Amino acid sequence: MGALVIEERQHREWSQPAEALVGLARVRFAGPLTAATASTLRARVRQALVSGEAGLVVDLQAVTALDAAGIAALLDARRSLRAQAGGTLVLRANGIVCRALKESGTISAFALSSGTGM
């Protein structure tokens, strides 16, 4: 089982217009986003909320697997951020993530940034 890597991103290398992502914290995940690692995502979202972040861009380009627990963690993150002054969660997804979101019927719940596999 691979580890979930979290990395704060301060520079802009996103395909969305810069003004669309201003004020959003940036986090990159690598490895599986599954039952074994979903708590890490939840902890990072809690940290962002405590820090007063208005939104979060989650780069999932290096995610190697996404199961129901990972999707539930993403949905919880979206719900938590929206509850705090209408915060935003933007996903930068790869083909694995998009496929899992499509198959689960949850893809329309997320704002997606342009990326491969979408």
PDB file of N, CA and C in Angstrom:
ATOM      1  N   MET A   1       0.845  -1.180   0.000  1.00  0.00           N
ATOM      2  CA  MET A   1       0.000   0.000   0.000  1.00  0.00           C
ATOM      3  C   MET A   1       0.880   1.229   0.000  1.00  0.00           C
ATOM      4  N   GLY A   2       0.630   2.152  -0.920  1.00  0.00           N
ATOM      5  CA  GLY A   2       1.394   3.380  -0.998  1.00  0.00           C
ATOM      6  C   GLY A   2       0.904   4.405  -0.002  1.00  0.00           C
ATOM      7  N   ALA A   3       1.718   5.372   0.267  1.00  0.00           N
ATOM      8  CA  ALA A   3       1.363   6.428   1.211  1.00  0.00           C
ATOM      9  C   ALA A   3       0.714   7.584   0.478  1.00  0.00           C
ATOM     10  N   LEU A   4      -0.114   8.292   1.164  1.00  0.00           N
ATOM     11  CA  LEU A   4      -0.736   9.487   0.624  1.00  0.00           C
ATOM     12  C   LEU A   4       0.157  10.659   0.971  1.00  0.00           C
ATOM     13  N   VAL A   5       0.630  11.353  -0.019  1.00  0.00           N
ATOM     14  CA  VAL A   5       1.525  12.479   0.182  1.00  0.00           C
ATOM     15  C   VAL A   5       0.717  13.759   0.100  1.00  0.00           C
ATOM     16  N   ILE A   6       0.922  14.636   1.052  1.00  0.00           N
ATOM     17  CA  ILE A   6       0.269  15.941   1.020  1.00  0.00           C
ATOM     18  C   ILE A   6       1.353  16.987   0.897  1.00  0.00           C
ATOM     19  N   GLU A   7       1.172  17.859  -0.039  1.00  0.00           N
ATOM     20  CA  GLU A   7       2.154  18.913  -0.278  1.00  0.00           C
ATOM     21  C   GLU A   7       1.414  20.221  -0.501  1.00  0.00           C
ATOM     22  N   GLU A   8       1.765  21.224   0.250  1.00  0.00           N
ATOM     23  CA  GLU A   8       1.197  22.552   0.035  1.00  0.00           C
ATOM     24  C   GLU A   8       1.810  23.123  -1.232  1.00  0.00           C
ATOM     25  N   ARG A   9       0.990  23.744  -2.024  1.00  0.00           N
ATOM     26  CA  ARG A   9       1.479  24.343  -3.261  1.00  0.00           C
ATOM     27  C   ARG A   9       1.250  25.842  -3.194  1.00  0.00           C
ATOM     28  N   GLN A  10       2.272  26.610  -3.310  1.00  0.00           N
ATOM     29  CA  GLN A  10       2.155  28.059  -3.240  1.00  0.00           C
ATOM     30  C   GLN A  10       2.259  28.723  -4.610  1.00  0.00           C
ATOM     31  N   HIS A  11       2.840  28.046  -5.577  1.00  0.00           N
ATOM     32  CA  HIS A  11       2.978  28.638  -6.897  1.00  0.00           C
ATOM     33  C   HIS A  11       1.823  28.217  -7.783  1.00  0.00           C
ATOM     34  N   ARG A  12       1.667  28.894  -8.912  1.00  0.00           N
ATOM     35  CA  ARG A  12       0.561  28.600  -9.822  1.00  0.00           C
ATOM     36  C   ARG A  12       1.054  27.789 -11.004  1.00  0.00           C
ATOM     37  N   GLU A  13       0.601  26.549 -11.099  1.00  0.00           N
ATOM     38  CA  GLU A  13       0.873  25.751 -12.282  1.00  0.00           C
ATOM     39  C   GLU A  13      -0.431  25.083 -12.700  1.00  0.00           C
ATOM     40  N   TRP A  14      -1.500  25.764 -12.476  1.00  0.00           N
ATOM     41  CA  TRP A  14      -2.834  25.234 -12.740  1.00  0.00           C
ATOM     42  C   TRP A  14      -3.308  25.692 -14.102  1.00  0.00           C
ATOM     43  N   SER A  15      -4.161  24.918 -14.721  1.00  0.00           N
ATOM     44  CA  SER A  15      -4.661  25.264 -16.034  1.00  0.00           C
ATOM     45  C   SER A  15      -5.851  26.211 -15.976  1.00  0.00           C
ATOM     46  N   GLN A  16      -6.419  26.409 -14.820  1.00  0.00           N
ATOM     47  CA  GLN A  16      -7.509  27.367 -14.661  1.00  0.00           C
ATOM     48  C   GLN A  16      -6.931  28.774 -14.701  1.00  0.00           C
ATOM     49  N   PRO A  17      -7.742  29.763 -15.110  1.00  0.00           N
ATOM     50  CA  PRO A  17      -7.260  31.140 -15.031  1.00  0.00           C
ATOM     51  C   PRO A  17      -6.862  31.472 -13.600  1.00  0.00           C
ATOM     52  N   ALA A  18      -5.783  32.204 -13.438  1.00  0.00           N
ATOM     53  CA  ALA A  18      -5.262  32.513 -12.109  1.00  0.00           C
ATOM     54  C   ALA A  18      -6.316  33.167 -11.227  1.00  0.00           C
ATOM     55  N   GLU A  19      -7.131  34.054 -11.779  1.00  0.00           N
ATOM     56  CA  GLU A  19      -8.124  34.744 -10.961  1.00  0.00           C
ATOM     57  C   GLU A  19      -9.174  33.781 -10.404  1.00  0.00           C
ATOM     58  N   ALA A  20      -9.385  32.644 -11.050  1.00  0.00           N
ATOM     59  CA  ALA A  20     -10.371  31.674 -10.575  1.00  0.00           C
ATOM     60  C   ALA A  20      -9.877  30.933  -9.334  1.00  0.00           C
ATOM     61  N   LEU A  21      -8.575  30.916  -9.096  1.00  0.00           N
ATOM     62  CA  LEU A  21      -8.020  30.154  -7.990  1.00  0.00           C
ATOM     63  C   LEU A  21      -7.395  31.024  -6.907  1.00  0.00           C
ATOM     64  N   VAL A  22      -7.501  32.354  -7.040  1.00  0.00           N
ATOM     65  CA  VAL A  22      -6.930  33.255  -6.047  1.00  0.00           C
ATOM     66  C   VAL A  22      -7.613  33.015  -4.706  1.00  0.00           C
ATOM     67  N   GLY A  23      -6.840  32.951  -3.655  1.00  0.00           N
ATOM     68  CA  GLY A  23      -7.370  32.778  -2.320  1.00  0.00           C
ATOM     69  C   GLY A  23      -7.660  31.341  -1.938  1.00  0.00           C
ATOM     70  N   LEU A  24      -7.358  30.402  -2.825  1.00  0.00           N
ATOM     71  CA  LEU A  24      -7.591  29.001  -2.518  1.00  0.00           C
ATOM     72  C   LEU A  24      -6.276  28.340  -2.103  1.00  0.00           C
ATOM     73  N   ALA A  25      -6.316  27.604  -1.016  1.00  0.00           N
ATOM     74  CA  ALA A  25      -5.150  26.824  -0.610  1.00  0.00           C
ATOM     75  C   ALA A  25      -4.972  25.697  -1.612  1.00  0.00           C
ATOM     76  N   ARG A  26      -3.750  25.258  -1.787  1.00  0.00           N
ATOM     77  CA  ARG A  26      -3.460  24.215  -2.760  1.00  0.00           C
ATOM     78  C   ARG A  26      -2.813  23.025  -2.065  1.00  0.00           C
ATOM     79  N   VAL A  27      -3.321  21.833  -2.374  1.00  0.00           N
ATOM     80  CA  VAL A  27      -2.819  20.604  -1.772  1.00  0.00           C
ATOM     81  C   VAL A  27      -2.679  19.564  -2.871  1.00  0.00           C
ATOM     82  N   ARG A  28      -1.583  18.790  -2.851  1.00  0.00           N
ATOM     83  CA  ARG A  28      -1.369  17.718  -3.821  1.00  0.00           C
ATOM     84  C   ARG A  28      -1.357  16.382  -3.088  1.00  0.00           C
ATOM     85  N   PHE A  29      -2.074  15.425  -3.636  1.00  0.00           N
ATOM     86  CA  PHE A  29      -2.112  14.071  -3.089  1.00  0.00           C
ATOM     87  C   PHE A  29      -1.468  13.121  -4.084  1.00  0.00           C
ATOM     88  N   ALA A  30      -0.753  12.125  -3.565  1.00  0.00           N
ATOM     89  CA  ALA A  30      -0.173  11.080  -4.405  1.00  0.00           C
ATOM     90  C   ALA A  30      -0.404   9.745  -3.719  1.00  0.00           C
ATOM     91  N   GLY A  31      -0.601   8.707  -4.513  1.00  0.00           N
ATOM     92  CA  GLY A  31      -0.862   7.387  -3.973  1.00  0.00           C
ATOM     93  C   GLY A  31      -2.356   7.143  -3.890  1.00  0.00           C
ATOM     94  N   PRO A  32      -2.755   6.102  -3.195  1.00  0.00           N
ATOM     95  CA  PRO A  32      -4.172   5.773  -3.123  1.00  0.00           C
ATOM     96  C   PRO A  32      -4.935   6.694  -2.185  1.00  0.00           C
ATOM     97  N   LEU A  33      -6.131   7.071  -2.580  1.00  0.00           N
ATOM     98  CA  LEU A  33      -7.052   7.793  -1.708  1.00  0.00           C
ATOM     99  C   LEU A  33      -8.170   6.801  -1.414  1.00  0.00           C
ATOM    100  N   THR A  34      -7.979   6.055  -0.347  1.00  0.00           N
ATOM    101  CA  THR A  34      -8.829   4.908  -0.015  1.00  0.00           C
ATOM    102  C   THR A  34      -9.172   4.954   1.474  1.00  0.00           C
ATOM    103  N   ALA A  35      -9.834   3.905   1.937  1.00  0.00           N
ATOM    104  CA  ALA A  35     -10.204   3.816   3.351  1.00  0.00           C
ATOM    105  C   ALA A  35      -8.990   3.981   4.263  1.00  0.00           C
ATOM    106  N   ALA A  36      -7.846   3.510   3.809  1.00  0.00           N
ATOM    107  CA  ALA A  36      -6.629   3.587   4.622  1.00  0.00           C
ATOM    108  C   ALA A  36      -6.063   4.997   4.718  1.00  0.00           C
ATOM    109  N   THR A  37      -6.389   5.878   3.769  1.00  0.00           N
ATOM    110  CA  THR A  37      -5.782   7.208   3.727  1.00  0.00           C
ATOM    111  C   THR A  37      -6.788   8.351   3.768  1.00  0.00           C
ATOM    112  N   ALA A  38      -8.070   8.059   3.729  1.00  0.00           N
ATOM    113  CA  ALA A  38      -9.099   9.116   3.677  1.00  0.00           C
ATOM    114  C   ALA A  38      -9.036  10.029   4.893  1.00  0.00           C
ATOM    115  N   SER A  39      -8.647   9.499   6.035  1.00  0.00           N
ATOM    116  CA  SER A  39      -8.571  10.334   7.245  1.00  0.00           C
ATOM    117  C   SER A  39      -7.544  11.447   7.085  1.00  0.00           C
ATOM    118  N   THR A  40      -6.520  11.222   6.277  1.00  0.00           N
ATOM    119  CA  THR A  40      -5.515  12.255   6.028  1.00  0.00           C
ATOM    120  C   THR A  40      -6.137  13.431   5.282  1.00  0.00           C
ATOM    121  N   LEU A  41      -6.977  13.142   4.295  1.00  0.00           N
ATOM    122  CA  LEU A  41      -7.679  14.213   3.582  1.00  0.00           C
ATOM    123  C   LEU A  41      -8.584  14.971   4.540  1.00  0.00           C
ATOM    124  N   ARG A  42      -9.325  14.247   5.346  1.00  0.00           N
ATOM    125  CA  ARG A  42     -10.227  14.906   6.302  1.00  0.00           C
ATOM    126  C   ARG A  42      -9.446  15.815   7.259  1.00  0.00           C
ATOM    127  N   ALA A  43      -8.297  15.373   7.717  1.00  0.00           N
ATOM    128  CA  ALA A  43      -7.472  16.179   8.624  1.00  0.00           C
ATOM    129  C   ALA A  43      -6.992  17.447   7.940  1.00  0.00           C
ATOM    130  N   ARG A  44      -6.588  17.346   6.684  1.00  0.00           N
ATOM    131  CA  ARG A  44      -6.105  18.523   5.946  1.00  0.00           C
ATOM    132  C   ARG A  44      -7.233  19.527   5.721  1.00  0.00           C
ATOM    133  N   VAL A  45      -8.420  19.028   5.458  1.00  0.00           N
ATOM    134  CA  VAL A  45      -9.572  19.928   5.280  1.00  0.00           C
ATOM    135  C   VAL A  45      -9.888  20.630   6.600  1.00  0.00           C
ATOM    136  N   ARG A  46      -9.865  19.887   7.695  1.00  0.00           N
ATOM    137  CA  ARG A  46     -10.089  20.512   9.010  1.00  0.00           C
ATOM    138  C   ARG A  46      -9.055  21.595   9.265  1.00  0.00           C
ATOM    139  N   GLN A  47      -7.797  21.309   8.915  1.00  0.00           N
ATOM    140  CA  GLN A  47      -6.727  22.287   9.092  1.00  0.00           C
ATOM    141  C   GLN A  47      -6.998  23.538   8.253  1.00  0.00           C
ATOM    142  N   ALA A  48      -7.447  23.355   7.025  1.00  0.00           N
ATOM    143  CA  ALA A  48      -7.759  24.494   6.158  1.00  0.00           C
ATOM    144  C   ALA A  48      -8.903  25.315   6.739  1.00  0.00           C
ATOM    145  N   LEU A  49      -9.909  24.651   7.287  1.00  0.00           N
ATOM    146  CA  LEU A  49     -11.048  25.362   7.871  1.00  0.00           C
ATOM    147  C   LEU A  49     -10.626  26.160   9.098  1.00  0.00           C
ATOM    148  N   VAL A  50      -9.795  25.557   9.949  1.00  0.00           N
ATOM    149  CA  VAL A  50      -9.310  26.248  11.138  1.00  0.00           C
ATOM    150  C   VAL A  50      -8.469  27.455  10.741  1.00  0.00           C
ATOM    151  N   SER A  51      -7.718  27.322   9.646  1.00  0.00           N
ATOM    152  CA  SER A  51      -6.878  28.421   9.157  1.00  0.00           C
ATOM    153  C   SER A  51      -7.684  29.510   8.474  1.00  0.00           C
ATOM    154  N   GLY A  52      -8.982  29.268   8.294  1.00  0.00           N
ATOM    155  CA  GLY A  52      -9.845  30.267   7.678  1.00  0.00           C
ATOM    156  C   GLY A  52      -9.792  30.274   6.163  1.00  0.00           C
ATOM    157  N   GLU A  53      -9.312  29.190   5.551  1.00  0.00           N
ATOM    158  CA  GLU A  53      -9.249  29.120   4.098  1.00  0.00           C
ATOM    159  C   GLU A  53     -10.652  29.191   3.498  1.00  0.00           C
ATOM    160  N   ALA A  54     -10.792  29.973   2.440  1.00  0.00           N
ATOM    161  CA  ALA A  54     -12.080  30.087   1.756  1.00  0.00           C
ATOM    162  C   ALA A  54     -12.326  28.929   0.813  1.00  0.00           C
ATOM    163  N   GLY A  55     -11.263  28.259   0.453  1.00  0.00           N
ATOM    164  CA  GLY A  55     -11.410  27.149  -0.472  1.00  0.00           C
ATOM    165  C   GLY A  55     -10.128  26.369  -0.590  1.00  0.00           C
ATOM    166  N   LEU A  56     -10.248  25.278  -1.318  1.00  0.00           N
ATOM    167  CA  LEU A  56      -9.129  24.358  -1.432  1.00  0.00           C
ATOM    168  C   LEU A  56      -9.089  23.787  -2.840  1.00  0.00           C
ATOM    169  N   VAL A  57      -7.910  23.810  -3.455  1.00  0.00           N
ATOM    170  CA  VAL A  57      -7.676  23.126  -4.721  1.00  0.00           C
ATOM    171  C   VAL A  57      -6.914  21.864  -4.373  1.00  0.00           C
ATOM    172  N   VAL A  58      -7.482  20.714  -4.719  1.00  0.00           N
ATOM    173  CA  VAL A  58      -6.857  19.436  -4.419  1.00  0.00           C
ATOM    174  C   VAL A  58      -6.377  18.830  -5.734  1.00  0.00           C
ATOM    175  N   ASP A  59      -5.068  18.713  -5.876  1.00  0.00           N
ATOM    176  CA  ASP A  59      -4.470  18.130  -7.068  1.00  0.00           C
ATOM    177  C   ASP A  59      -4.382  16.627  -6.864  1.00  0.00           C
ATOM    178  N   LEU A  60      -5.201  15.896  -7.619  1.00  0.00           N
ATOM    179  CA  LEU A  60      -5.260  14.442  -7.522  1.00  0.00           C
ATOM    180  C   LEU A  60      -4.604  13.772  -8.730  1.00  0.00           C
ATOM    181  N   GLN A  61      -3.773  14.493  -9.444  1.00  0.00           N
ATOM    182  CA  GLN A  61      -3.129  13.965 -10.638  1.00  0.00           C
ATOM    183  C   GLN A  61      -2.286  12.727 -10.351  1.00  0.00           C
ATOM    184  N   ALA A  62      -1.735  12.608  -9.165  1.00  0.00           N
ATOM    185  CA  ALA A  62      -0.867  11.475  -8.841  1.00  0.00           C
ATOM    186  C   ALA A  62      -1.576  10.419  -7.990  1.00  0.00           C
ATOM    187  N   VAL A  63      -2.895  10.491  -7.893  1.00  0.00           N
ATOM    188  CA  VAL A  63      -3.645   9.481  -7.146  1.00  0.00           C
ATOM    189  C   VAL A  63      -3.700   8.204  -7.978  1.00  0.00           C
ATOM    190  N   THR A  64      -3.406   7.077  -7.341  1.00  0.00           N
ATOM    191  CA  THR A  64      -3.328   5.793  -8.041  1.00  0.00           C
ATOM    192  C   THR A  64      -4.565   4.934  -7.847  1.00  0.00           C
ATOM    193  N   ALA A  65      -5.401   5.275  -6.869  1.00  0.00           N
ATOM    194  CA  ALA A  65      -6.637   4.530  -6.620  1.00  0.00           C
ATOM    195  C   ALA A  65      -7.591   5.430  -5.840  1.00  0.00           C
ATOM    196  N   LEU A  66      -8.879   5.250  -6.099  1.00  0.00           N
ATOM    197  CA  LEU A  66      -9.898   6.014  -5.385  1.00  0.00           C
ATOM    198  C   LEU A  66     -11.068   5.081  -5.140  1.00  0.00           C
ATOM    199  N   ASP A  67     -11.357   4.823  -3.857  1.00  0.00           N
ATOM    200  CA  ASP A  67     -12.471   3.935  -3.522  1.00  0.00           C
ATOM    201  C   ASP A  67     -13.610   4.737  -2.898  1.00  0.00           C
ATOM    202  N   ALA A  68     -14.636   4.033  -2.442  1.00  0.00           N
ATOM    203  CA  ALA A  68     -15.815   4.686  -1.877  1.00  0.00           C
ATOM    204  C   ALA A  68     -15.464   5.550  -0.667  1.00  0.00           C
ATOM    205  N   ALA A  69     -14.528   5.104   0.157  1.00  0.00           N
ATOM    206  CA  ALA A  69     -14.119   5.897   1.318  1.00  0.00           C
ATOM    207  C   ALA A  69     -13.411   7.183   0.890  1.00  0.00           C
ATOM    208  N   GLY A  70     -12.598   7.100  -0.157  1.00  0.00           N
ATOM    209  CA  GLY A  70     -11.943   8.303  -0.683  1.00  0.00           C
ATOM    210  C   GLY A  70     -12.947   9.277  -1.266  1.00  0.00           C
ATOM    211  N   ILE A  71     -13.930   8.755  -1.995  1.00  0.00           N
ATOM    212  CA  ILE A  71     -14.979   9.613  -2.552  1.00  0.00           C
ATOM    213  C   ILE A  71     -15.781  10.252  -1.421  1.00  0.00           C
ATOM    214  N   ALA A  72     -16.094   9.472  -0.392  1.00  0.00           N
ATOM    215  CA  ALA A  72     -16.827  10.020   0.754  1.00  0.00           C
ATOM    216  C   ALA A  72     -16.027  11.138   1.422  1.00  0.00           C
ATOM    217  N   ALA A  73     -14.713  10.981   1.524  1.00  0.00           N
ATOM    218  CA  ALA A  73     -13.877  12.024   2.112  1.00  0.00           C
ATOM    219  C   ALA A  73     -13.899  13.285   1.253  1.00  0.00           C
ATOM    220  N   LEU A  74     -13.884  13.128  -0.073  1.00  0.00           N
ATOM    221  CA  LEU A  74     -13.972  14.293  -0.963  1.00  0.00           C
ATOM    222  C   LEU A  74     -15.325  14.983  -0.826  1.00  0.00           C
ATOM    223  N   LEU A  75     -16.392  14.204  -0.742  1.00  0.00           N
ATOM    224  CA  LEU A  75     -17.730  14.785  -0.555  1.00  0.00           C
ATOM    225  C   LEU A  75     -17.834  15.497   0.796  1.00  0.00           C
ATOM    226  N   ASP A  76     -17.263  14.902   1.839  1.00  0.00           N
ATOM    227  CA  ASP A  76     -17.244  15.550   3.153  1.00  0.00           C
ATOM    228  C   ASP A  76     -16.459  16.860   3.104  1.00  0.00           C
ATOM    229  N   ALA A  77     -15.335  16.854   2.390  1.00  0.00           N
ATOM    230  CA  ALA A  77     -14.530  18.070   2.251  1.00  0.00           C
ATOM    231  C   ALA A  77     -15.333  19.157   1.554  1.00  0.00           C
ATOM    232  N   ARG A  78     -16.015  18.788   0.488  1.00  0.00           N
ATOM    233  CA  ARG A  78     -16.852  19.748  -0.242  1.00  0.00           C
ATOM    234  C   ARG A  78     -17.926  20.323   0.671  1.00  0.00           C
ATOM    235  N   ARG A  79     -18.595  19.456   1.402  1.00  0.00           N
ATOM    236  CA  ARG A  79     -19.676  19.879   2.307  1.00  0.00           C
ATOM    237  C   ARG A  79     -19.130  20.807   3.399  1.00  0.00           C
ATOM    238  N   SER A  80     -18.003  20.450   3.988  1.00  0.00           N
ATOM    239  CA  SER A  80     -17.411  21.267   5.054  1.00  0.00           C
ATOM    240  C   SER A  80     -16.994  22.640   4.547  1.00  0.00           C
ATOM    241  N   LEU A  81     -16.360  22.675   3.379  1.00  0.00           N
ATOM    242  CA  LEU A  81     -15.922  23.955   2.825  1.00  0.00           C
ATOM    243  C   LEU A  81     -17.105  24.830   2.439  1.00  0.00           C
ATOM    244  N   ARG A  82     -18.153  24.241   1.888  1.00  0.00           N
ATOM    245  CA  ARG A  82     -19.340  25.015   1.514  1.00  0.00           C
ATOM    246  C   ARG A  82     -20.045  25.573   2.733  1.00  0.00           C
ATOM    247  N   ALA A  83     -20.009  24.842   3.837  1.00  0.00           N
ATOM    248  CA  ALA A  83     -20.667  25.280   5.069  1.00  0.00           C
ATOM    249  C   ALA A  83     -19.967  26.490   5.683  1.00  0.00           C
ATOM    250  N   GLN A  84     -18.694  26.642   5.388  1.00  0.00           N
ATOM    251  CA  GLN A  84     -17.934  27.774   5.918  1.00  0.00           C
ATOM    252  C   GLN A  84     -17.937  28.899   4.897  1.00  0.00           C
ATOM    253  N   ALA A  85     -18.892  29.774   5.021  1.00  0.00           N
ATOM    254  CA  ALA A  85     -18.996  30.972   4.174  1.00  0.00           C
ATOM    255  C   ALA A  85     -18.942  30.647   2.686  1.00  0.00           C
ATOM    256  N   GLY A  86     -19.565  29.549   2.283  1.00  0.00           N
ATOM    257  CA  GLY A  86     -19.625  29.224   0.860  1.00  0.00           C
ATOM    258  C   GLY A  86     -18.296  28.871   0.248  1.00  0.00           C
ATOM    259  N   GLY A  87     -17.400  28.276   1.000  1.00  0.00           N
ATOM    260  CA  GLY A  87     -16.084  27.901   0.499  1.00  0.00           C
ATOM    261  C   GLY A  87     -16.165  26.963  -0.701  1.00  0.00           C
ATOM    262  N   THR A  88     -15.054  26.801  -1.370  1.00  0.00           N
ATOM    263  CA  THR A  88     -14.994  26.054  -2.624  1.00  0.00           C
ATOM    264  C   THR A  88     -13.973  24.931  -2.540  1.00  0.00           C
ATOM    265  N   LEU A  89     -14.322  23.809  -3.154  1.00  0.00           N
ATOM    266  CA  LEU A  89     -13.384  22.707  -3.341  1.00  0.00           C
ATOM    267  C   LEU A  89     -13.256  22.472  -4.839  1.00  0.00           C
ATOM    268  N   VAL A  90     -12.042  22.583  -5.356  1.00  0.00           N
ATOM    269  CA  VAL A  90     -11.774  22.333  -6.768  1.00  0.00           C
ATOM    270  C   VAL A  90     -10.847  21.132  -6.850  1.00  0.00           C
ATOM    271  N   LEU A  91     -11.213  20.181  -7.692  1.00  0.00           N
ATOM    272  CA  LEU A  91     -10.385  18.988  -7.882  1.00  0.00           C
ATOM    273  C   LEU A  91      -9.647  19.073  -9.205  1.00  0.00           C
ATOM    274  N   ARG A  92      -8.378  18.766  -9.194  1.00  0.00           N
ATOM    275  CA  ARG A  92      -7.590  18.583 -10.405  1.00  0.00           C
ATOM    276  C   ARG A  92      -7.367  17.087 -10.508  1.00  0.00           C
ATOM    277  N   ALA A  93      -8.142  16.443 -11.380  1.00  0.00           N
ATOM    278  CA  ALA A  93      -8.238  14.989 -11.371  1.00  0.00           C
ATOM    279  C   ALA A  93      -7.560  14.352 -12.572  1.00  0.00           C
ATOM    280  N   ASN A  94      -7.110  13.109 -12.383  1.00  0.00           N
ATOM    281  CA  ASN A  94      -6.582  12.307 -13.481  1.00  0.00           C
ATOM    282  C   ASN A  94      -7.666  11.331 -13.938  1.00  0.00           C
ATOM    283  N   GLY A  95      -7.350  10.456 -14.868  1.00  0.00           N
ATOM    284  CA  GLY A  95      -8.316   9.505 -15.403  1.00  0.00           C
ATOM    285  C   GLY A  95      -8.865   8.548 -14.364  1.00  0.00           C
ATOM    286  N   ILE A  96      -8.026   8.098 -13.448  1.00  0.00           N
ATOM    287  CA  ILE A  96      -8.465   7.180 -12.397  1.00  0.00           C
ATOM    288  C   ILE A  96      -9.526   7.844 -11.532  1.00  0.00           C
ATOM    289  N   VAL A  97      -9.263   9.071 -11.130  1.00  0.00           N
ATOM    290  CA  VAL A  97     -10.193   9.804 -10.270  1.00  0.00           C
ATOM    291  C   VAL A  97     -11.488  10.088 -11.021  1.00  0.00           C
ATOM    292  N   CYS A  98     -11.376  10.576 -12.250  1.00  0.00           N
ATOM    293  CA  CYS A  98     -12.575  10.883 -13.035  1.00  0.00           C
ATOM    294  C   CYS A  98     -13.433   9.644 -13.248  1.00  0.00           C
ATOM    295  N   ARG A  99     -12.802   8.538 -13.564  1.00  0.00           N
ATOM    296  CA  ARG A  99     -13.536   7.296 -13.785  1.00  0.00           C
ATOM    297  C   ARG A  99     -14.294   6.880 -12.520  1.00  0.00           C
ATOM    298  N   ALA A 100     -13.637   6.947 -11.367  1.00  0.00           N
ATOM    299  CA  ALA A 100     -14.272   6.573 -10.102  1.00  0.00           C
ATOM    300  C   ALA A 100     -15.428   7.512  -9.767  1.00  0.00           C
ATOM    301  N   LEU A 101     -15.242   8.801 -10.016  1.00  0.00           N
ATOM    302  CA  LEU A 101     -16.316   9.766  -9.746  1.00  0.00           C
ATOM    303  C   LEU A 101     -17.489   9.567 -10.695  1.00  0.00           C
ATOM    304  N   LYS A 102     -17.193   9.285 -11.970  1.00  0.00           N
ATOM    305  CA  LYS A 102     -18.264   9.024 -12.937  1.00  0.00           C
ATOM    306  C   LYS A 102     -19.030   7.767 -12.578  1.00  0.00           C
ATOM    307  N   GLU A 103     -18.307   6.701 -12.267  1.00  0.00           N
ATOM    308  CA  GLU A 103     -18.946   5.426 -11.938  1.00  0.00           C
ATOM    309  C   GLU A 103     -19.792   5.507 -10.678  1.00  0.00           C
ATOM    310  N   SER A 104     -19.388   6.376  -9.747  1.00  0.00           N
ATOM    311  CA  SER A 104     -20.146   6.524  -8.505  1.00  0.00           C
ATOM    312  C   SER A 104     -21.290   7.523  -8.643  1.00  0.00           C
ATOM    313  N   GLY A 105     -21.328   8.234  -9.771  1.00  0.00           N
ATOM    314  CA  GLY A 105     -22.371   9.230  -9.979  1.00  0.00           C
ATOM    315  C   GLY A 105     -22.156  10.524  -9.219  1.00  0.00           C
ATOM    316  N   THR A 106     -20.940  10.751  -8.765  1.00  0.00           N
ATOM    317  CA  THR A 106     -20.665  11.943  -7.949  1.00  0.00           C
ATOM    318  C   THR A 106     -19.871  13.025  -8.673  1.00  0.00           C
ATOM    319  N   ILE A 107     -19.504  12.791  -9.922  1.00  0.00           N
ATOM    320  CA  ILE A 107     -18.633  13.737 -10.615  1.00  0.00           C
ATOM    321  C   ILE A 107     -19.250  15.129 -10.708  1.00  0.00           C
ATOM    322  N   SER A 108     -20.569  15.205 -10.851  1.00  0.00           N
ATOM    323  CA  SER A 108     -21.216  16.511 -10.980  1.00  0.00           C
ATOM    324  C   SER A 108     -21.219  17.298  -9.669  1.00  0.00           C
ATOM    325  N   ALA A 109     -20.855  16.665  -8.566  1.00  0.00           N
ATOM    326  CA  ALA A 109     -20.817  17.349  -7.274  1.00  0.00           C
ATOM    327  C   ALA A 109     -19.578  18.226  -7.124  1.00  0.00           C
ATOM    328  N   PHE A 110     -18.605  18.052  -8.016  1.00  0.00           N
ATOM    329  CA  PHE A 110     -17.320  18.721  -7.850  1.00  0.00           C
ATOM    330  C   PHE A 110     -17.039  19.727  -8.959  1.00  0.00           C
ATOM    331  N   ALA A 111     -16.335  20.791  -8.591  1.00  0.00           N
ATOM    332  CA  ALA A 111     -15.758  21.699  -9.565  1.00  0.00           C
ATOM    333  C   ALA A 111     -14.434  21.068  -9.976  1.00  0.00           C
ATOM    334  N   LEU A 112     -14.238  20.882 -11.284  1.00  0.00           N
ATOM    335  CA  LEU A 112     -13.033  20.235 -11.768  1.00  0.00           C
ATOM    336  C   LEU A 112     -12.184  21.212 -12.557  1.00  0.00           C
ATOM    337  N   SER A 113     -10.894  21.186 -12.266  1.00  0.00           N
ATOM    338  CA  SER A 113      -9.924  21.970 -13.024  1.00  0.00           C
ATOM    339  C   SER A 113      -9.461  21.104 -14.184  1.00  0.00           C
ATOM    340  N   SER A 114      -9.122  21.722 -15.277  1.00  0.00           N
ATOM    341  CA  SER A 114      -8.656  20.971 -16.438  1.00  0.00           C
ATOM    342  C   SER A 114      -7.452  20.135 -16.080  1.00  0.00           C
ATOM    343  N   GLY A 115      -7.470  18.923 -16.541  1.00  0.00           N
ATOM    344  CA  GLY A 115      -6.355  18.009 -16.308  1.00  0.00           C
ATOM    345  C   GLY A 115      -6.532  16.815 -17.223  1.00  0.00           C
ATOM    346  N   THR A 116      -5.570  15.968 -17.267  1.00  0.00           N
ATOM    347  CA  THR A 116      -5.660  14.803 -18.128  1.00  0.00           C
ATOM    348  C   THR A 116      -6.749  13.868 -17.638  1.00  0.00           C
ATOM    349  N   GLY A 117      -7.385  13.186 -18.556  1.00  0.00           N
ATOM    350  CA  GLY A 117      -8.368  12.200 -18.206  1.00  0.00           C
ATOM    351  C   GLY A 117      -9.756  12.729 -17.966  1.00  0.00           C
ATOM    352  N   MET A 118      -9.973  13.996 -18.232  1.00  0.00           N
ATOM    353  CA  MET A 118     -11.278  14.576 -17.922  1.00  0.00           C
ATOM    354  C   MET A 118     -12.111  14.796 -19.136  1.00  0.00           C
TER     355      MET A 118
END
